[in-house]
Protein backbone atom coordinates (compact mmCIF):
# COMPACT_ATOMS: atom_id res chain seq x y z
CA MET A 1 11.72 13.89 31.53
CA ASN A 2 11.40 10.37 32.90
CA SER A 3 8.36 9.69 35.09
CA ILE A 4 8.42 6.93 37.69
CA LEU A 5 5.35 5.37 39.31
CA ILE A 6 5.67 3.50 42.61
CA LEU A 7 2.89 1.21 43.85
CA ASP A 8 3.45 -0.18 47.36
CA ASP A 9 0.79 -0.52 50.03
CA ALA A 10 3.26 0.54 52.73
CA GLN A 11 3.52 4.33 52.86
CA GLU A 12 6.98 4.23 54.46
CA ASN A 13 8.30 2.19 51.54
CA CYS A 14 6.81 4.63 49.06
CA MET A 15 8.31 7.62 50.86
CA LEU A 16 11.70 5.94 51.16
CA MET A 17 11.94 5.04 47.48
CA GLN A 18 10.56 8.39 46.37
CA GLY A 19 13.12 10.19 48.54
CA ILE A 20 16.03 8.15 47.18
CA LEU A 21 14.95 8.72 43.59
CA ARG A 22 14.18 12.43 43.90
CA LYS A 23 17.48 13.02 45.66
CA SER A 24 19.19 11.41 42.67
CA GLY A 25 17.45 13.70 40.20
CA TYR A 26 14.27 11.77 39.41
CA LYS A 27 11.96 14.61 40.43
CA ASN A 28 8.94 13.32 38.52
CA THR A 29 8.32 10.37 40.82
CA TYR A 30 4.83 9.75 42.19
CA THR A 31 3.50 7.09 44.53
CA SER A 32 0.34 5.25 45.47
CA GLN A 33 -0.64 2.73 48.14
CA SER A 34 -3.86 1.84 46.32
CA PRO A 35 -4.01 -0.67 43.45
CA GLU A 36 -7.42 0.74 42.48
CA GLU A 37 -5.95 4.22 42.22
CA VAL A 38 -3.18 3.03 39.91
CA ILE A 39 -5.65 1.02 37.82
CA ASP A 40 -7.67 4.23 37.46
CA TRP A 41 -4.61 6.39 36.70
CA LEU A 42 -3.48 4.03 33.97
CA ASN A 43 -6.98 3.10 32.75
CA LEU A 44 -6.02 -0.55 32.92
CA LYS A 45 -9.60 -1.80 32.70
CA ASN A 46 -10.79 0.24 29.74
CA GLN A 47 -9.59 1.34 26.32
CA ASP A 48 -8.85 4.94 27.28
CA PRO A 49 -5.23 6.11 27.23
CA PRO A 50 -3.43 6.36 30.60
CA GLN A 51 -4.09 9.53 32.58
CA LYS A 52 -0.51 9.59 33.83
CA GLU A 53 2.61 9.07 31.78
CA CYS A 54 5.35 6.86 33.12
CA SER A 55 8.73 5.66 31.95
CA LEU A 56 9.13 3.07 34.71
CA ILE A 57 6.86 1.31 37.20
CA LEU A 58 8.00 -0.04 40.59
CA LEU A 59 5.36 -2.59 41.57
CA ASP A 60 4.96 -4.42 44.87
CA ILE A 61 4.11 -8.11 44.55
CA LEU A 62 1.94 -8.31 47.69
CA LEU A 63 -0.94 -5.82 47.56
CA PRO A 64 -4.35 -5.65 49.27
CA GLY A 65 -6.98 -7.56 47.29
CA VAL A 66 -4.77 -8.17 44.28
CA THR A 67 -1.24 -9.28 43.46
CA GLY A 68 1.39 -7.32 41.64
CA PHE A 69 1.39 -10.08 39.03
CA GLU A 70 -2.26 -9.36 38.24
CA ILE A 71 -1.53 -5.63 37.91
CA LEU A 72 1.44 -6.44 35.69
CA GLU A 73 -0.74 -8.59 33.44
CA LEU A 74 -3.14 -5.66 32.96
CA ILE A 75 -0.20 -3.38 32.19
CA ARG A 76 1.16 -5.74 29.53
CA GLU A 77 -2.27 -6.01 27.91
CA LYS A 78 -2.53 -2.24 27.41
CA LYS A 79 -0.90 -1.18 24.17
CA GLU A 80 0.32 2.18 25.50
CA LEU A 81 2.10 0.48 28.42
CA LYS A 82 3.17 -2.92 27.11
CA ASP A 83 6.78 -1.79 26.62
CA ILE A 84 7.09 0.19 29.87
CA PRO A 85 9.73 -1.48 32.09
CA VAL A 86 8.42 -2.84 35.39
CA ILE A 87 10.56 -3.61 38.44
CA MET A 88 8.90 -5.85 41.01
CA ILE A 89 9.24 -5.04 44.72
CA THR A 90 9.34 -8.00 47.09
CA ALA A 91 10.48 -9.17 50.49
CA LEU A 92 10.47 -12.73 49.17
CA LYS A 93 13.72 -14.16 47.90
CA GLU A 94 12.37 -17.52 46.75
CA SER A 95 13.53 -18.32 43.24
CA ASN A 96 10.07 -19.41 42.11
CA VAL A 97 8.63 -16.00 43.04
CA LEU A 98 11.38 -14.17 41.20
CA GLN A 99 10.99 -16.45 38.19
CA LYS A 100 7.26 -15.75 38.12
CA ALA A 101 8.04 -12.04 38.13
CA PHE A 102 10.21 -12.42 35.03
CA ASP A 103 7.70 -14.75 33.37
CA SER A 104 4.98 -12.14 33.95
CA GLY A 105 6.96 -9.50 32.08
CA ALA A 106 9.01 -7.75 34.76
CA ILE A 107 12.54 -6.81 33.73
CA ASP A 108 14.04 -6.73 37.25
CA TYR A 109 13.28 -6.82 40.98
CA VAL A 110 14.38 -5.15 44.20
CA ILE A 111 14.40 -6.81 47.60
CA LYS A 112 13.08 -5.18 50.77
CA PRO A 113 14.63 -3.67 52.82
CA PHE A 114 15.99 -1.39 50.17
CA ASP A 115 19.61 -0.64 49.51
CA ALA A 116 19.76 2.83 47.96
CA THR A 117 22.73 2.04 45.73
CA GLU A 118 21.13 -1.14 44.42
CA LEU A 119 17.76 0.56 43.88
CA LEU A 120 19.33 3.40 41.90
CA ALA A 121 21.42 1.00 39.82
CA ARG A 122 18.37 -1.04 38.85
CA VAL A 123 16.27 2.06 38.15
CA ARG A 124 19.00 3.59 35.96
CA SER A 125 19.39 0.34 34.06
CA ALA A 126 15.63 0.09 33.49
CA LEU A 127 15.37 3.70 32.33
CA ARG A 128 18.30 3.25 29.94
CA LEU A 129 16.44 0.27 28.51
CA PHE A 130 13.26 2.34 28.18
CA GLU A 131 15.11 5.18 26.47
CA GLU A 132 16.77 2.78 24.06
CA MET A 133 13.43 1.15 23.28
CA THR A 134 11.90 4.58 22.71
CA ARG A 135 14.72 5.53 20.34
CA ARG A 136 14.34 2.20 18.56
CA LYS A 137 10.61 2.79 18.10
CA GLU A 138 11.31 6.25 16.72
CA ARG A 139 13.87 4.79 14.32
CA GLU A 140 11.39 2.11 13.28
CA LYS A 141 8.70 4.73 12.67
CA GLU A 142 11.14 6.79 10.63
CA LEU A 143 12.17 3.69 8.72
CA GLU A 144 8.51 2.82 8.06
CA LYS A 145 7.94 6.36 6.84
CA LEU A 146 10.97 6.18 4.55
CA THR A 147 9.87 2.75 3.34
CA ASP A 148 6.40 4.08 2.52
CA GLN A 149 7.95 7.02 0.68
CA LEU A 150 10.25 4.67 -1.23
CA GLN A 151 7.31 2.47 -2.18
CA GLU A 152 5.44 5.53 -3.43
CA VAL A 153 8.44 6.57 -5.51
CA ASN A 154 8.86 3.04 -6.85
CA SER A 155 5.16 2.84 -7.69
CA TYR A 156 5.42 6.16 -9.49
CA LEU A 157 8.52 5.04 -11.40
CA VAL A 158 6.81 1.78 -12.38
CA ALA A 159 3.75 3.72 -13.51
CA ILE A 160 5.69 6.18 -15.67
CA SER A 161 7.80 3.37 -17.11
CA ARG A 162 4.57 1.74 -18.30
CA THR A 163 2.67 4.84 -19.36
CA ASP A 164 2.72 6.97 -22.48
CA SER A 165 3.40 10.47 -21.19
CA LEU A 166 1.12 12.20 -23.69
CA THR A 167 -2.05 10.09 -23.66
CA GLY A 168 -1.87 8.43 -20.25
CA LEU A 169 -2.45 5.03 -21.87
CA TYR A 170 0.06 2.23 -21.48
CA ASN A 171 3.12 2.47 -23.71
CA ARG A 172 4.37 0.04 -26.36
CA ARG A 173 6.86 -1.56 -24.00
CA TYR A 174 4.22 -2.46 -21.43
CA PHE A 175 1.83 -3.51 -24.17
CA ASP A 176 4.34 -6.11 -25.36
CA GLU A 177 4.90 -7.29 -21.81
CA ILE A 178 1.23 -7.63 -20.86
CA LEU A 179 0.27 -9.22 -24.19
CA THR A 180 2.80 -11.98 -23.51
CA THR A 181 1.47 -12.41 -19.97
CA GLU A 182 -2.17 -12.56 -21.06
CA TRP A 183 -1.36 -14.89 -23.94
CA LYS A 184 0.23 -17.38 -21.55
CA ARG A 185 -2.66 -17.07 -19.11
CA CYS A 186 -5.27 -17.68 -21.81
CA TRP A 187 -3.22 -20.63 -23.01
CA ARG A 188 -3.43 -22.15 -19.53
CA THR A 189 -7.15 -21.52 -19.17
CA GLY A 190 -8.13 -22.34 -22.75
CA ALA A 191 -9.75 -18.93 -23.21
CA GLY A 192 -9.57 -16.76 -26.30
CA ILE A 193 -7.85 -13.40 -26.55
CA ALA A 194 -8.78 -10.47 -28.79
CA LEU A 195 -6.53 -7.73 -30.13
CA ILE A 196 -7.79 -4.43 -31.52
CA MET A 197 -5.49 -2.17 -33.53
CA LEU A 198 -6.61 1.26 -34.70
CA ASP A 199 -5.26 4.25 -36.54
CA ILE A 200 -6.44 7.87 -36.58
CA ASP A 201 -7.47 8.52 -40.16
CA HIS A 202 -5.31 11.03 -42.06
CA PHE A 203 -3.49 12.09 -38.91
CA LYS A 204 -0.52 13.53 -40.82
CA LEU A 205 -2.92 15.88 -42.58
CA TYR A 206 -4.39 16.77 -39.18
CA ASN A 207 -0.94 17.71 -37.88
CA ASP A 208 -0.21 19.73 -41.02
CA THR A 209 -3.49 21.61 -40.61
CA TYR A 210 -3.75 22.12 -36.85
CA GLY A 211 -0.10 21.94 -35.80
CA HIS A 212 1.61 19.50 -33.49
CA GLN A 213 -0.04 20.95 -30.40
CA GLY A 214 -3.41 20.39 -31.99
CA GLY A 215 -2.28 16.90 -32.94
CA ASP A 216 -1.32 16.17 -29.35
CA GLN A 217 -4.75 17.27 -28.16
CA CYS A 218 -6.37 15.04 -30.76
CA LEU A 219 -4.32 12.04 -29.57
CA LYS A 220 -5.37 12.70 -25.98
CA GLN A 221 -9.06 12.87 -26.90
CA VAL A 222 -8.94 9.69 -28.96
CA ALA A 223 -7.07 7.94 -26.15
CA ARG A 224 -9.85 8.95 -23.75
CA ALA A 225 -12.47 7.53 -26.11
CA ILE A 226 -10.58 4.23 -26.25
CA ARG A 227 -10.09 4.08 -22.49
CA ASP A 228 -13.80 4.61 -21.91
CA CYS A 229 -14.55 1.50 -23.99
CA ALA A 230 -11.91 -0.81 -22.49
CA ARG A 231 -13.05 -0.69 -18.90
CA ARG A 232 -12.89 -4.28 -17.65
CA ALA A 233 -10.23 -5.13 -15.09
CA GLY A 234 -8.14 -7.14 -17.57
CA ASP A 235 -8.50 -4.84 -20.59
CA VAL A 236 -5.34 -3.00 -21.64
CA ALA A 237 -5.38 0.07 -23.88
CA ALA A 238 -2.03 1.26 -25.19
CA ARG A 239 -0.49 3.76 -27.55
CA TYR A 240 1.16 1.46 -30.05
CA GLY A 241 3.13 4.16 -31.84
CA GLY A 242 2.47 7.58 -33.39
CA GLU A 243 -1.25 7.77 -34.14
CA GLU A 244 -1.75 4.02 -33.74
CA PHE A 245 -3.37 2.43 -30.69
CA ALA A 246 -3.97 -1.13 -29.52
CA VAL A 247 -6.35 -2.78 -27.07
CA ILE A 248 -5.88 -6.22 -25.49
CA LEU A 249 -9.09 -7.98 -24.49
CA PRO A 250 -8.27 -11.17 -22.56
CA GLU A 251 -10.84 -13.96 -22.37
CA THR A 252 -12.92 -12.27 -25.06
CA ASN A 253 -14.61 -13.91 -28.03
CA GLU A 254 -15.05 -12.40 -31.47
CA SER A 255 -18.59 -11.06 -30.98
CA ASN A 256 -17.72 -9.25 -27.74
CA ALA A 257 -14.55 -7.82 -29.28
CA VAL A 258 -16.64 -6.49 -32.18
CA VAL A 259 -18.90 -4.71 -29.68
CA VAL A 260 -15.92 -3.01 -28.03
CA SER A 261 -14.48 -2.04 -31.43
CA ARG A 262 -17.74 -0.50 -32.61
CA ASN A 263 -18.07 1.38 -29.35
CA ILE A 264 -14.64 2.91 -29.96
CA LEU A 265 -15.68 3.97 -33.47
CA GLU A 266 -18.83 5.60 -32.11
CA ASN A 267 -17.06 7.26 -29.18
CA VAL A 268 -14.51 8.91 -31.45
CA GLU A 269 -17.25 10.14 -33.80
CA LYS A 270 -19.28 11.52 -30.88
CA MET A 271 -16.33 13.70 -29.90
CA ALA A 272 -16.77 15.47 -33.24
CA ILE A 273 -13.18 16.69 -33.37
CA PRO A 274 -12.99 18.93 -36.48
CA HIS A 275 -10.73 17.62 -39.26
CA SER A 276 -11.13 19.86 -42.29
CA ALA A 277 -8.27 18.17 -44.14
CA SER A 278 -9.65 14.65 -43.80
CA LYS A 279 -10.44 12.79 -47.01
CA THR A 280 -12.91 10.62 -45.11
CA ASN A 281 -15.04 12.93 -42.98
CA SER A 282 -15.18 16.47 -41.64
CA ILE A 283 -14.35 15.15 -38.17
CA VAL A 284 -11.66 12.88 -36.77
CA THR A 285 -12.36 9.19 -37.36
CA VAL A 286 -10.47 5.96 -36.80
CA SER A 287 -9.95 2.74 -38.70
CA ILE A 288 -10.00 -0.47 -36.68
CA GLY A 289 -8.63 -3.94 -37.26
CA MET A 290 -9.51 -6.74 -34.88
CA ALA A 291 -8.48 -10.37 -34.50
CA THR A 292 -9.05 -13.16 -32.02
CA LEU A 293 -7.16 -16.35 -31.29
CA SER A 294 -7.24 -19.13 -28.75
CA PRO A 295 -3.56 -19.63 -27.81
CA SER A 296 -2.22 -23.05 -28.75
CA PRO A 297 0.96 -24.72 -30.06
CA GLU A 298 -0.30 -24.10 -33.61
CA ASN A 299 -0.34 -20.28 -33.32
CA SER A 300 1.56 -17.43 -31.66
CA ILE A 301 1.42 -13.85 -30.42
CA THR A 302 3.06 -12.77 -33.66
CA GLU A 303 0.23 -14.35 -35.62
CA LEU A 304 -2.38 -12.52 -33.52
CA ILE A 305 -0.65 -9.18 -34.14
CA GLU A 306 -0.29 -9.89 -37.86
CA ARG A 307 -3.99 -10.76 -38.14
CA ALA A 308 -5.06 -7.57 -36.38
CA ASP A 309 -2.65 -5.57 -38.52
CA LYS A 310 -4.00 -7.13 -41.73
CA ALA A 311 -7.53 -6.33 -40.61
CA LEU A 312 -6.49 -2.71 -39.96
CA TYR A 313 -4.93 -2.51 -43.43
CA LEU A 314 -8.17 -3.83 -44.89
CA ALA A 315 -10.19 -1.19 -43.01
CA LYS A 316 -8.00 1.54 -44.51
CA GLU A 317 -8.25 0.04 -47.99
CA GLU A 318 -12.03 -0.10 -47.78
CA GLY A 319 -12.52 3.59 -47.04
CA ARG A 320 -11.45 4.06 -43.41
CA ASN A 321 -13.74 5.01 -40.50
CA CYS A 322 -14.76 1.37 -40.23
CA LEU A 323 -14.07 -1.93 -38.50
CA ARG A 324 -12.68 -5.01 -40.18
CA PHE A 325 -11.81 -8.21 -38.39
CA TYR A 326 -9.71 -11.22 -39.21
CA PRO A 327 -11.78 -14.37 -38.57
CA GLN A 328 -10.47 -16.90 -36.08
CA SER A 329 -10.54 -19.62 -38.71
CA ASP A 330 -8.93 -19.01 -42.10
């Protein structure tokens, strides 16, 4: 129900307007002849919410000790009231006074002595405006809520489009995308980039021995060991395919990349995942190939991948469960 507040220092004016409005169905109309009382009701001089709700304020311009314009300024400064329509009450018809009322934030005015028909018309118009503004705010809130929900859905879709569903690491598609991005960035900055490629040793035998569910659990555990070692903001760990993984280390030199690679080897061994069918060890191990390059016109992403892949092949040839790296210079 709409609530209307009337502030006029003349009691007869308050009673007249209140009577007209209540007779027309606006039962929740209250009045005051005291600016201080209204300031207190609405908490205009502190941060507390208003004590009285109102959908419309009828505000006299000439008040004892203060002007209606000053009250209106306080109203517009309070966030809970800044959109409440205000109709100024005045006996003055000078255009400069009326213009000041509009400039101060009033939406309309009524001239004393009151004409009931005119007063009701202006009140109804102001309340329609308030109701429309209220509906608009509700629509905006609903739209904001829907927008937030849509952003959450989009973020989720982006995340799952980039993530390997089994291991939680990035997938091959996103690996290719981010490797290109980081390559270009390192080219611009002159920094080096390292690529680690690793394979779970004898994983086919693991699957044959422990079943595909066991194999999936093994992949998850190895992925966790890799993730724990690639923790910098720019590091990207991905499932490259099957039992093969890859780690991008932007702005990383050879010695630091070796440290990360050895940490991965040690982390996987510490997990002590049983692998009775392994020809290398009684537990799950990995073979790692690592390469670094400083992007330039003389090399390419393909060359970086080929170097890391060759290093991985060398690690497998030399007994597995080890790290081999392709030197930056041939």
